[in-house]
Amino acid sequence: MFRRTFWFTTGVAAGVWATTKVNRKLKQLTPESLAATAANKALETGARLKDRAVGFALDVRDNMAQREAELQDALGIDEDPALPAPRRFAAIENSTHPRYVQTTTYPYDRNEDH
């Protein structure tokens, strides 16, 4: 009698465990869950790539500065503080300037044919 109860209880426990496992796997395979998993993986990959790119850019900048200093020492060039400031460009161009005024006018709207 006890053997039958033991095996019945074992079978019920195995059935509950298997049902729970299958239900969890089915929930993982829903489209929403797959989309969320893919989005999380993409974010993680993007963060890793960004970290590597930033590290690479910093290494390049450091090596560039080092090589520039070596070249300046080799050529005997001292940095000249009297160099002109770098040229600045306007963020918004002046639309009334003759360079930006549209001289060609069309008698029709080119988009009205579409």
PDB file of N, CA and C in Angstrom:
ATOM      1  N   MET A   1       0.804  -1.184   0.000  1.00  0.00           N
ATOM      2  CA  MET A   1       0.000   0.000   0.000  1.00  0.00           C
ATOM      3  C   MET A   1       0.857   1.262   0.000  1.00  0.00           C
ATOM      4  N   PHE A   2       1.943   1.228   0.818  1.00  0.00           N
ATOM      5  CA  PHE A   2       2.802   2.396   0.879  1.00  0.00           C
ATOM      6  C   PHE A   2       3.581   2.588  -0.422  1.00  0.00           C
ATOM      7  N   ARG A   3       3.923   1.478  -1.094  1.00  0.00           N
ATOM      8  CA  ARG A   3       4.635   1.589  -2.370  1.00  0.00           C
ATOM      9  C   ARG A   3       3.767   2.297  -3.394  1.00  0.00           C
ATOM     10  N   ARG A   4       2.500   1.922  -3.443  1.00  0.00           N
ATOM     11  CA  ARG A   4       1.596   2.557  -4.398  1.00  0.00           C
ATOM     12  C   ARG A   4       1.439   4.044  -4.104  1.00  0.00           C
ATOM     13  N   THR A   5       1.328   4.405  -2.848  1.00  0.00           N
ATOM     14  CA  THR A   5       1.206   5.816  -2.462  1.00  0.00           C
ATOM     15  C   THR A   5       2.480   6.580  -2.819  1.00  0.00           C
ATOM     16  N   PHE A   6       3.624   5.949  -2.552  1.00  0.00           N
ATOM     17  CA  PHE A   6       4.896   6.596  -2.880  1.00  0.00           C
ATOM     18  C   PHE A   6       4.989   6.858  -4.372  1.00  0.00           C
ATOM     19  N   TRP A   7       4.715   5.854  -5.184  1.00  0.00           N
ATOM     20  CA  TRP A   7       4.845   6.032  -6.638  1.00  0.00           C
ATOM     21  C   TRP A   7       3.766   6.963  -7.191  1.00  0.00           C
ATOM     22  N   PHE A   8       2.592   6.949  -6.610  1.00  0.00           N
ATOM     23  CA  PHE A   8       1.555   7.882  -7.024  1.00  0.00           C
ATOM     24  C   PHE A   8       1.987   9.318  -6.734  1.00  0.00           C
ATOM     25  N   THR A   9       2.516   9.549  -5.545  1.00  0.00           N
ATOM     26  CA  THR A   9       2.985  10.882  -5.161  1.00  0.00           C
ATOM     27  C   THR A   9       4.162  11.310  -6.038  1.00  0.00           C
ATOM     28  N   THR A  10       5.065  10.393  -6.313  1.00  0.00           N
ATOM     29  CA  THR A  10       6.198  10.688  -7.187  1.00  0.00           C
ATOM     30  C   THR A  10       5.717  11.050  -8.589  1.00  0.00           C
ATOM     31  N   GLY A  11       4.739  10.333  -9.107  1.00  0.00           N
ATOM     32  CA  GLY A  11       4.193  10.613 -10.427  1.00  0.00           C
ATOM     33  C   GLY A  11       3.503  11.962 -10.488  1.00  0.00           C
ATOM     34  N   VAL A  12       2.741  12.276  -9.429  1.00  0.00           N
ATOM     35  CA  VAL A  12       2.071  13.579  -9.369  1.00  0.00           C
ATOM     36  C   VAL A  12       3.108  14.700  -9.321  1.00  0.00           C
ATOM     37  N   ALA A  13       4.142  14.541  -8.509  1.00  0.00           N
ATOM     38  CA  ALA A  13       5.195  15.566  -8.411  1.00  0.00           C
ATOM     39  C   ALA A  13       5.911  15.734  -9.747  1.00  0.00           C
ATOM     40  N   ALA A  14       6.219  14.622 -10.418  1.00  0.00           N
ATOM     41  CA  ALA A  14       6.875  14.706 -11.722  1.00  0.00           C
ATOM     42  C   ALA A  14       5.961  15.375 -12.737  1.00  0.00           C
ATOM     43  N   GLY A  15       4.678  15.084 -12.689  1.00  0.00           N
ATOM     44  CA  GLY A  15       3.729  15.720 -13.602  1.00  0.00           C
ATOM     45  C   GLY A  15       3.615  17.216 -13.368  1.00  0.00           C
ATOM     46  N   VAL A  16       3.550  17.610 -12.105  1.00  0.00           N
ATOM     47  CA  VAL A  16       3.488  19.051 -11.782  1.00  0.00           C
ATOM     48  C   VAL A  16       4.770  19.741 -12.223  1.00  0.00           C
ATOM     49  N   TRP A  17       5.913  19.127 -11.963  1.00  0.00           N
ATOM     50  CA  TRP A  17       7.196  19.712 -12.352  1.00  0.00           C
ATOM     51  C   TRP A  17       7.274  19.857 -13.876  1.00  0.00           C
ATOM     52  N   ALA A  18       6.889  18.803 -14.613  1.00  0.00           N
ATOM     53  CA  ALA A  18       6.952  18.842 -16.081  1.00  0.00           C
ATOM     54  C   ALA A  18       5.981  19.873 -16.638  1.00  0.00           C
ATOM     55  N   THR A  19       4.785  19.965 -16.080  1.00  0.00           N
ATOM     56  CA  THR A  19       3.799  20.951 -16.536  1.00  0.00           C
ATOM     57  C   THR A  19       4.305  22.370 -16.302  1.00  0.00           C
ATOM     58  N   THR A  20       4.891  22.599 -15.139  1.00  0.00           N
ATOM     59  CA  THR A  20       5.440  23.918 -14.838  1.00  0.00           C
ATOM     60  C   THR A  20       6.560  24.276 -15.812  1.00  0.00           C
ATOM     61  N   LYS A  21       7.448  23.324 -16.092  1.00  0.00           N
ATOM     62  CA  LYS A  21       8.554  23.560 -17.030  1.00  0.00           C
ATOM     63  C   LYS A  21       8.025  23.896 -18.417  1.00  0.00           C
ATOM     64  N   VAL A  22       7.057  23.132 -18.881  1.00  0.00           N
ATOM     65  CA  VAL A  22       6.503  23.343 -20.223  1.00  0.00           C
ATOM     66  C   VAL A  22       5.810  24.697 -20.298  1.00  0.00           C
ATOM     67  N   ASN A  23       5.054  25.057 -19.274  1.00  0.00           N
ATOM     68  CA  ASN A  23       4.365  26.352 -19.285  1.00  0.00           C
ATOM     69  C   ASN A  23       5.349  27.517 -19.290  1.00  0.00           C
ATOM     70  N   ARG A  24       6.437  27.401 -18.526  1.00  0.00           N
ATOM     71  CA  ARG A  24       7.455  28.460 -18.526  1.00  0.00           C
ATOM     72  C   ARG A  24       8.098  28.589 -19.907  1.00  0.00           C
ATOM     73  N   LYS A  25       8.387  27.459 -20.542  1.00  0.00           N
ATOM     74  CA  LYS A  25       9.005  27.481 -21.864  1.00  0.00           C
ATOM     75  C   LYS A  25       8.050  28.080 -22.895  1.00  0.00           C
ATOM     76  N   LEU A  26       6.761  27.743 -22.780  1.00  0.00           N
ATOM     77  CA  LEU A  26       5.773  28.304 -23.700  1.00  0.00           C
ATOM     78  C   LEU A  26       5.649  29.818 -23.535  1.00  0.00           C
ATOM     79  N   LYS A  27       5.728  30.293 -22.284  1.00  0.00           N
ATOM     80  CA  LYS A  27       5.671  31.744 -22.053  1.00  0.00           C
ATOM     81  C   LYS A  27       6.906  32.429 -22.640  1.00  0.00           C
ATOM     82  N   GLN A  28       8.061  31.764 -22.612  1.00  0.00           N
ATOM     83  CA  GLN A  28       9.277  32.338 -23.190  1.00  0.00           C
ATOM     84  C   GLN A  28       9.200  32.407 -24.708  1.00  0.00           C
ATOM     85  N   LEU A  29       8.381  31.562 -25.310  1.00  0.00           N
ATOM     86  CA  LEU A  29       8.307  31.505 -26.762  1.00  0.00           C
ATOM     87  C   LEU A  29       7.164  32.329 -27.347  1.00  0.00           C
ATOM     88  N   THR A  30       6.481  33.123 -26.525  1.00  0.00           N
ATOM     89  CA  THR A  30       5.446  34.000 -27.065  1.00  0.00           C
ATOM     90  C   THR A  30       6.119  35.130 -27.842  1.00  0.00           C
ATOM     91  N   PRO A  31       5.436  35.714 -28.820  1.00  0.00           N
ATOM     92  CA  PRO A  31       6.046  36.799 -29.607  1.00  0.00           C
ATOM     93  C   PRO A  31       6.490  37.984 -28.758  1.00  0.00           C
ATOM     94  N   GLU A  32       5.695  38.336 -27.752  1.00  0.00           N
ATOM     95  CA  GLU A  32       6.066  39.474 -26.902  1.00  0.00           C
ATOM     96  C   GLU A  32       7.356  39.183 -26.134  1.00  0.00           C
ATOM     97  N   SER A  33       7.452  37.966 -25.596  1.00  0.00           N
ATOM     98  CA  SER A  33       8.641  37.592 -24.841  1.00  0.00           C
ATOM     99  C   SER A  33       9.873  37.523 -25.744  1.00  0.00           C
ATOM    100  N   LEU A  34       9.698  36.976 -26.948  1.00  0.00           N
ATOM    101  CA  LEU A  34      10.819  36.910 -27.885  1.00  0.00           C
ATOM    102  C   LEU A  34      11.272  38.307 -28.297  1.00  0.00           C
ATOM    103  N   ALA A  35      10.309  39.214 -28.511  1.00  0.00           N
ATOM    104  CA  ALA A  35      10.658  40.585 -28.877  1.00  0.00           C
ATOM    105  C   ALA A  35      11.400  41.279 -27.737  1.00  0.00           C
ATOM    106  N   ALA A  36      10.934  41.085 -26.507  1.00  0.00           N
ATOM    107  CA  ALA A  36      11.603  41.697 -25.361  1.00  0.00           C
ATOM    108  C   ALA A  36      13.015  41.141 -25.195  1.00  0.00           C
ATOM    109  N   THR A  37      13.172  39.853 -25.376  1.00  0.00           N
ATOM    110  CA  THR A  37      14.497  39.236 -25.263  1.00  0.00           C
ATOM    111  C   THR A  37      15.432  39.778 -26.343  1.00  0.00           C
ATOM    112  N   ALA A  38      14.919  39.874 -27.568  1.00  0.00           N
ATOM    113  CA  ALA A  38      15.746  40.398 -28.660  1.00  0.00           C
ATOM    114  C   ALA A  38      16.128  41.849 -28.406  1.00  0.00           C
ATOM    115  N   ALA A  39      15.196  42.644 -27.900  1.00  0.00           N
ATOM    116  CA  ALA A  39      15.492  44.046 -27.606  1.00  0.00           C
ATOM    117  C   ALA A  39      16.550  44.161 -26.514  1.00  0.00           C
ATOM    118  N   ASN A  40      16.437  43.343 -25.476  1.00  0.00           N
ATOM    119  CA  ASN A  40      17.434  43.375 -24.399  1.00  0.00           C
ATOM    120  C   ASN A  40      18.817  42.980 -24.916  1.00  0.00           C
ATOM    121  N   LYS A  41      18.872  41.940 -25.746  1.00  0.00           N
ATOM    122  CA  LYS A  41      20.164  41.517 -26.307  1.00  0.00           C
ATOM    123  C   LYS A  41      20.754  42.608 -27.187  1.00  0.00           C
ATOM    124  N   ALA A  42      19.903  43.272 -27.974  1.00  0.00           N
ATOM    125  CA  ALA A  42      20.380  44.351 -28.838  1.00  0.00           C
ATOM    126  C   ALA A  42      20.931  45.512 -28.011  1.00  0.00           C
ATOM    127  N   LEU A  43      20.247  45.852 -26.922  1.00  0.00           N
ATOM    128  CA  LEU A  43      20.733  46.925 -26.055  1.00  0.00           C
ATOM    129  C   LEU A  43      22.067  46.562 -25.411  1.00  0.00           C
ATOM    130  N   GLU A  44      22.182  45.324 -24.960  1.00  0.00           N
ATOM    131  CA  GLU A  44      23.445  44.879 -24.355  1.00  0.00           C
ATOM    132  C   GLU A  44      24.573  44.918 -25.374  1.00  0.00           C
ATOM    133  N   THR A  45      24.297  44.444 -26.583  1.00  0.00           N
ATOM    134  CA  THR A  45      25.313  44.441 -27.634  1.00  0.00           C
ATOM    135  C   THR A  45      25.703  45.864 -28.000  1.00  0.00           C
ATOM    136  N   GLY A  46      24.720  46.748 -28.111  1.00  0.00           N
ATOM    137  CA  GLY A  46      25.006  48.145 -28.418  1.00  0.00           C
ATOM    138  C   GLY A  46      25.864  48.796 -27.341  1.00  0.00           C
ATOM    139  N   ALA A  47      25.568  48.501 -26.090  1.00  0.00           N
ATOM    140  CA  ALA A  47      26.358  49.075 -24.994  1.00  0.00           C
ATOM    141  C   ALA A  47      27.790  48.560 -25.036  1.00  0.00           C
ATOM    142  N   ARG A  48      27.952  47.251 -25.314  1.00  0.00           N
ATOM    143  CA  ARG A  48      29.307  46.698 -25.413  1.00  0.00           C
ATOM    144  C   ARG A  48      30.086  47.318 -26.561  1.00  0.00           C
ATOM    145  N   LEU A  49      29.421  47.457 -27.716  1.00  0.00           N
ATOM    146  CA  LEU A  49      30.097  48.059 -28.866  1.00  0.00           C
ATOM    147  C   LEU A  49      30.460  49.515 -28.608  1.00  0.00           C
ATOM    148  N   LYS A  50      29.563  50.228 -27.929  1.00  0.00           N
ATOM    149  CA  LYS A  50      29.838  51.632 -27.605  1.00  0.00           C
ATOM    150  C   LYS A  50      31.043  51.739 -26.671  1.00  0.00           C
ATOM    151  N   ASP A  51      31.091  50.879 -25.662  1.00  0.00           N
ATOM    152  CA  ASP A  51      32.228  50.896 -24.735  1.00  0.00           C
ATOM    153  C   ASP A  51      33.536  50.614 -25.471  1.00  0.00           C
ATOM    154  N   ARG A  52      33.507  49.644 -26.375  1.00  0.00           N
ATOM    155  CA  ARG A  52      34.723  49.328 -27.129  1.00  0.00           C
ATOM    156  C   ARG A  52      35.110  50.466 -28.050  1.00  0.00           C
ATOM    157  N   ALA A  53      34.116  51.090 -28.696  1.00  0.00           N
ATOM    158  CA  ALA A  53      34.409  52.195 -29.608  1.00  0.00           C
ATOM    159  C   ALA A  53      34.980  53.384 -28.848  1.00  0.00           C
ATOM    160  N   VAL A  54      34.426  53.674 -27.681  1.00  0.00           N
ATOM    161  CA  VAL A  54      34.941  54.784 -26.882  1.00  0.00           C
ATOM    162  C   VAL A  54      36.362  54.489 -26.433  1.00  0.00           C
ATOM    163  N   GLY A  55      36.607  53.265 -25.996  1.00  0.00           N
ATOM    164  CA  GLY A  55      37.967  52.892 -25.584  1.00  0.00           C
ATOM    165  C   GLY A  55      38.943  52.974 -26.734  1.00  0.00           C
ATOM    166  N   PHE A  56      38.508  52.528 -27.913  1.00  0.00           N
ATOM    167  CA  PHE A  56      39.362  52.608 -29.098  1.00  0.00           C
ATOM    168  C   PHE A  56      39.647  54.056 -29.463  1.00  0.00           C
ATOM    169  N   ALA A  57      38.616  54.910 -29.415  1.00  0.00           N
ATOM    170  CA  ALA A  57      38.801  56.331 -29.758  1.00  0.00           C
ATOM    171  C   ALA A  57      39.767  56.995 -28.779  1.00  0.00           C
ATOM    172  N   LEU A  58      39.664  56.660 -27.503  1.00  0.00           N
ATOM    173  CA  LEU A  58      40.583  57.248 -26.517  1.00  0.00           C
ATOM    174  C   LEU A  58      42.012  56.768 -26.753  1.00  0.00           C
ATOM    175  N   ASP A  59      42.183  55.496 -27.087  1.00  0.00           N
ATOM    176  CA  ASP A  59      43.515  54.980 -27.391  1.00  0.00           C
ATOM    177  C   ASP A  59      44.099  55.668 -28.615  1.00  0.00           C
ATOM    178  N   VAL A  60      43.276  55.846 -29.645  1.00  0.00           N
ATOM    179  CA  VAL A  60      43.752  56.515 -30.862  1.00  0.00           C
ATOM    180  C   VAL A  60      44.149  57.952 -30.545  1.00  0.00           C
ATOM    181  N   ARG A  61      43.334  58.643 -29.756  1.00  0.00           N
ATOM    182  CA  ARG A  61      43.635  60.035 -29.414  1.00  0.00           C
ATOM    183  C   ARG A  61      44.938  60.137 -28.617  1.00  0.00           C
ATOM    184  N   ASP A  62      45.132  59.231 -27.658  1.00  0.00           N
ATOM    185  CA  ASP A  62      46.360  59.250 -26.863  1.00  0.00           C
ATOM    186  C   ASP A  62      47.584  58.974 -27.739  1.00  0.00           C
ATOM    187  N   ASN A  63      47.477  57.955 -28.598  1.00  0.00           N
ATOM    188  CA  ASN A  63      48.600  57.630 -29.469  1.00  0.00           C
ATOM    189  C   ASN A  63      48.867  58.737 -30.482  1.00  0.00           C
ATOM    190  N   MET A  64      47.807  59.407 -30.948  1.00  0.00           N
ATOM    191  CA  MET A  64      47.970  60.502 -31.890  1.00  0.00           C
ATOM    192  C   MET A  64      48.708  61.670 -31.221  1.00  0.00           C
ATOM    193  N   ALA A  65      48.327  61.998 -30.001  1.00  0.00           N
ATOM    194  CA  ALA A  65      48.993  63.080 -29.288  1.00  0.00           C
ATOM    195  C   ALA A  65      50.458  62.735 -29.019  1.00  0.00           C
ATOM    196  N   GLN A  66      50.701  61.479 -28.664  1.00  0.00           N
ATOM    197  CA  GLN A  66      52.078  61.048 -28.414  1.00  0.00           C
ATOM    198  C   GLN A  66      52.908  61.147 -29.690  1.00  0.00           C
ATOM    199  N   ARG A  67      52.366  60.668 -30.800  1.00  0.00           N
ATOM    200  CA  ARG A  67      53.113  60.711 -32.071  1.00  0.00           C
ATOM    201  C   ARG A  67      53.324  62.151 -32.528  1.00  0.00           C
ATOM    202  N   GLU A  68      52.334  63.012 -32.318  1.00  0.00           N
ATOM    203  CA  GLU A  68      52.485  64.412 -32.694  1.00  0.00           C
ATOM    204  C   GLU A  68      53.600  65.070 -31.884  1.00  0.00           C
ATOM    205  N   ALA A  69      53.668  64.744 -30.600  1.00  0.00           N
ATOM    206  CA  ALA A  69      54.734  65.296 -29.765  1.00  0.00           C
ATOM    207  C   ALA A  69      56.097  64.782 -30.239  1.00  0.00           C
ATOM    208  N   GLU A  70      56.168  63.498 -30.608  1.00  0.00           N
ATOM    209  CA  GLU A  70      57.429  62.950 -31.124  1.00  0.00           C
ATOM    210  C   GLU A  70      57.847  63.652 -32.415  1.00  0.00           C
ATOM    211  N   LEU A  71      56.903  63.875 -33.298  1.00  0.00           N
ATOM    212  CA  LEU A  71      57.226  64.554 -34.558  1.00  0.00           C
ATOM    213  C   LEU A  71      57.651  65.998 -34.320  1.00  0.00           C
ATOM    214  N   GLN A  72      56.974  66.682 -33.393  1.00  0.00           N
ATOM    215  CA  GLN A  72      57.362  68.063 -33.093  1.00  0.00           C
ATOM    216  C   GLN A  72      58.765  68.114 -32.506  1.00  0.00           C
ATOM    217  N   ASP A  73      59.110  67.157 -31.643  1.00  0.00           N
ATOM    218  CA  ASP A  73      60.460  67.111 -31.087  1.00  0.00           C
ATOM    219  C   ASP A  73      61.483  66.815 -32.177  1.00  0.00           C
ATOM    220  N   ALA A  74      61.148  65.878 -33.069  1.00  0.00           N
ATOM    221  CA  ALA A  74      62.084  65.502 -34.131  1.00  0.00           C
ATOM    222  C   ALA A  74      62.306  66.642 -35.117  1.00  0.00           C
ATOM    223  N   LEU A  75      61.260  67.405 -35.400  1.00  0.00           N
ATOM    224  CA  LEU A  75      61.378  68.506 -36.364  1.00  0.00           C
ATOM    225  C   LEU A  75      61.749  69.830 -35.712  1.00  0.00           C
ATOM    226  N   GLY A  76      61.791  69.862 -34.400  1.00  0.00           N
ATOM    227  CA  GLY A  76      62.149  71.081 -33.688  1.00  0.00           C
ATOM    228  C   GLY A  76      61.069  72.138 -33.771  1.00  0.00           C
ATOM    229  N   ILE A  77      59.842  71.729 -33.820  1.00  0.00           N
ATOM    230  CA  ILE A  77      58.726  72.673 -33.924  1.00  0.00           C
ATOM    231  C   ILE A  77      58.162  72.903 -32.536  1.00  0.00           C
ATOM    232  N   ASP A  78      58.063  74.174 -32.174  1.00  0.00           N
ATOM    233  CA  ASP A  78      57.397  74.537 -30.927  1.00  0.00           C
ATOM    234  C   ASP A  78      55.997  75.023 -31.277  1.00  0.00           C
ATOM    235  N   GLU A  79      55.060  74.742 -30.405  1.00  0.00           N
ATOM    236  CA  GLU A  79      53.708  75.205 -30.675  1.00  0.00           C
ATOM    237  C   GLU A  79      53.682  76.720 -30.613  1.00  0.00           C
ATOM    238  N   ASP A  80      53.106  77.319 -31.661  1.00  0.00           N
ATOM    239  CA  ASP A  80      53.057  78.778 -31.771  1.00  0.00           C
ATOM    240  C   ASP A  80      51.728  79.272 -31.220  1.00  0.00           C
ATOM    241  N   PRO A  81      51.754  80.037 -30.121  1.00  0.00           N
ATOM    242  CA  PRO A  81      50.497  80.527 -29.557  1.00  0.00           C
ATOM    243  C   PRO A  81      49.843  81.603 -30.424  1.00  0.00           C
ATOM    244  N   ALA A  82      50.552  82.121 -31.441  1.00  0.00           N
ATOM    245  CA  ALA A  82      50.007  83.186 -32.273  1.00  0.00           C
ATOM    246  C   ALA A  82      49.220  82.643 -33.465  1.00  0.00           C
ATOM    247  N   LEU A  83      48.930  81.371 -33.484  1.00  0.00           N
ATOM    248  CA  LEU A  83      48.148  80.825 -34.578  1.00  0.00           C
ATOM    249  C   LEU A  83      46.725  81.364 -34.526  1.00  0.00           C
ATOM    250  N   PRO A  84      46.116  81.566 -35.699  1.00  0.00           N
ATOM    251  CA  PRO A  84      44.741  82.081 -35.688  1.00  0.00           C
ATOM    252  C   PRO A  84      43.764  81.036 -35.141  1.00  0.00           C
ATOM    253  N   ALA A  85      42.668  81.535 -34.639  1.00  0.00           N
ATOM    254  CA  ALA A  85      41.642  80.640 -34.103  1.00  0.00           C
ATOM    255  C   ALA A  85      41.017  79.854 -35.248  1.00  0.00           C
ATOM    256  N   PRO A  86      40.554  78.662 -34.986  1.00  0.00           N
ATOM    257  CA  PRO A  86      39.918  77.901 -36.059  1.00  0.00           C
ATOM    258  C   PRO A  86      38.677  78.618 -36.576  1.00  0.00           C
ATOM    259  N   ARG A  87      38.406  78.427 -37.860  1.00  0.00           N
ATOM    260  CA  ARG A  87      37.280  79.095 -38.493  1.00  0.00           C
ATOM    261  C   ARG A  87      35.975  78.510 -37.967  1.00  0.00           C
ATOM    262  N   ARG A  88      35.039  79.396 -37.663  1.00  0.00           N
ATOM    263  CA  ARG A  88      33.745  78.964 -37.148  1.00  0.00           C
ATOM    264  C   ARG A  88      32.698  79.161 -38.224  1.00  0.00           C
ATOM    265  N   PHE A  89      31.801  78.225 -38.317  1.00  0.00           N
ATOM    266  CA  PHE A  89      30.705  78.297 -39.275  1.00  0.00           C
ATOM    267  C   PHE A  89      29.414  78.584 -38.521  1.00  0.00           C
ATOM    268  N   ALA A  90      28.556  79.361 -39.143  1.00  0.00           N
ATOM    269  CA  ALA A  90      27.270  79.672 -38.531  1.00  0.00           C
ATOM    270  C   ALA A  90      26.389  78.431 -38.550  1.00  0.00           C
ATOM    271  N   ALA A  91      25.659  78.227 -37.477  1.00  0.00           N
ATOM    272  CA  ALA A  91      24.771  77.079 -37.413  1.00  0.00           C
ATOM    273  C   ALA A  91      23.577  77.266 -38.348  1.00  0.00           C
ATOM    274  N   ILE A  92      23.094  78.498 -38.455  1.00  0.00           N
ATOM    275  CA  ILE A  92      21.976  78.806 -39.344  1.00  0.00           C
ATOM    276  C   ILE A  92      22.481  79.828 -40.355  1.00  0.00           C
ATOM    277  N   GLU A  93      22.394  79.468 -41.613  1.00  0.00           N
ATOM    278  CA  GLU A  93      22.868  80.363 -42.658  1.00  0.00           C
ATOM    279  C   GLU A  93      21.904  81.536 -42.817  1.00  0.00           C
ATOM    280  N   ASN A  94      22.438  82.658 -43.262  1.00  0.00           N
ATOM    281  CA  ASN A  94      21.647  83.849 -43.491  1.00  0.00           C
ATOM    282  C   ASN A  94      20.906  83.689 -44.819  1.00  0.00           C
ATOM    283  N   SER A  95      19.597  83.561 -44.754  1.00  0.00           N
ATOM    284  CA  SER A  95      18.830  83.299 -45.965  1.00  0.00           C
ATOM    285  C   SER A  95      18.689  84.523 -46.849  1.00  0.00           C
ATOM    286  N   THR A  96      19.028  85.723 -46.349  1.00  0.00           N
ATOM    287  CA  THR A  96      18.940  86.929 -47.182  1.00  0.00           C
ATOM    288  C   THR A  96      20.248  87.214 -47.913  1.00  0.00           C
ATOM    289  N   HIS A  97      21.273  86.448 -47.600  1.00  0.00           N
ATOM    290  CA  HIS A  97      22.553  86.634 -48.274  1.00  0.00           C
ATOM    291  C   HIS A  97      22.401  86.242 -49.739  1.00  0.00           C
ATOM    292  N   PRO A  98      23.009  86.992 -50.675  1.00  0.00           N
ATOM    293  CA  PRO A  98      22.838  86.701 -52.108  1.00  0.00           C
ATOM    294  C   PRO A  98      23.235  85.281 -52.493  1.00  0.00           C
ATOM    295  N   ARG A  99      24.143  84.692 -51.744  1.00  0.00           N
ATOM    296  CA  ARG A  99      24.576  83.335 -52.062  1.00  0.00           C
ATOM    297  C   ARG A  99      23.461  82.318 -51.840  1.00  0.00           C
ATOM    298  N   TYR A 100      22.542  82.626 -50.914  1.00  0.00           N
ATOM    299  CA  TYR A 100      21.502  81.680 -50.546  1.00  0.00           C
ATOM    300  C   TYR A 100      20.132  82.019 -51.127  1.00  0.00           C
ATOM    301  N   VAL A 101      20.017  83.141 -51.833  1.00  0.00           N
ATOM    302  CA  VAL A 101      18.733  83.520 -52.411  1.00  0.00           C
ATOM    303  C   VAL A 101      18.512  82.690 -53.662  1.00  0.00           C
ATOM    304  N   GLN A 102      17.327  82.093 -53.779  1.00  0.00           N
ATOM    305  CA  GLN A 102      17.015  81.266 -54.934  1.00  0.00           C
ATOM    306  C   GLN A 102      16.693  82.176 -56.111  1.00  0.00           C
ATOM    307  N   THR A 103      17.454  82.023 -57.178  1.00  0.00           N
ATOM    308  CA  THR A 103      17.250  82.879 -58.346  1.00  0.00           C
ATOM    309  C   THR A 103      16.361  82.226 -59.383  1.00  0.00           C
ATOM    310  N   THR A 104      16.277  80.910 -59.396  1.00  0.00           N
ATOM    311  CA  THR A 104      15.461  80.203 -60.369  1.00  0.00           C
ATOM    312  C   THR A 104      14.078  79.979 -59.786  1.00  0.00           C
ATOM    313  N   THR A 105      13.058  80.404 -60.520  1.00  0.00           N
ATOM    314  CA  THR A 105      11.689  80.153 -60.091  1.00  0.00           C
ATOM    315  C   THR A 105      11.003  79.313 -61.143  1.00  0.00           C
ATOM    316  N   TYR A 106      10.156  78.439 -60.712  1.00  0.00           N
ATOM    317  CA  TYR A 106       9.434  77.563 -61.617  1.00  0.00           C
ATOM    318  C   TYR A 106       7.991  78.042 -61.711  1.00  0.00           C
ATOM    319  N   PRO A 107       7.403  78.057 -62.923  1.00  0.00           N
ATOM    320  CA  PRO A 107       6.030  78.537 -63.059  1.00  0.00           C
ATOM    321  C   PRO A 107       4.999  77.533 -62.527  1.00  0.00           C
ATOM    322  N   TYR A 108       5.442  76.383 -62.128  1.00  0.00           N
ATOM    323  CA  TYR A 108       4.524  75.372 -61.618  1.00  0.00           C
ATOM    324  C   TYR A 108       5.152  74.676 -60.435  1.00  0.00           C
ATOM    325  N   ASP A 109       4.322  74.022 -59.671  1.00  0.00           N
ATOM    326  CA  ASP A 109       4.824  73.259 -58.535  1.00  0.00           C
ATOM    327  C   ASP A 109       5.260  71.884 -59.042  1.00  0.00           C
ATOM    328  N   ARG A 110       6.505  71.540 -58.806  1.00  0.00           N
ATOM    329  CA  ARG A 110       7.038  70.287 -59.330  1.00  0.00           C
ATOM    330  C   ARG A 110       6.354  69.076 -58.702  1.00  0.00           C
ATOM    331  N   ASN A 111       5.798  69.225 -57.514  1.00  0.00           N
ATOM    332  CA  ASN A 111       5.196  68.096 -56.827  1.00  0.00           C
ATOM    333  C   ASN A 111       3.733  67.891 -57.184  1.00  0.00           C
ATOM    334  N   GLU A 112       3.131  68.835 -57.910  1.00  0.00           N
ATOM    335  CA  GLU A 112       1.702  68.683 -58.158  1.00  0.00           C
ATOM    336  C   GLU A 112       1.404  67.600 -59.189  1.00  0.00           C
ATOM    337  N   ASP A 113       2.389  67.169 -59.963  1.00  0.00           N
ATOM    338  CA  ASP A 113       2.186  66.111 -60.937  1.00  0.00           C
ATOM    339  C   ASP A 113       2.098  64.741 -60.280  1.00  0.00           C
ATOM    340  N   HIS A 114       2.526  64.618 -59.075  1.00  0.00           N
ATOM    341  CA  HIS A 114       2.612  63.301 -58.436  1.00  0.00           C
ATOM    342  C   HIS A 114       1.407  63.005 -57.611  1.00  0.00           C
TER     343      HIS A 114
END
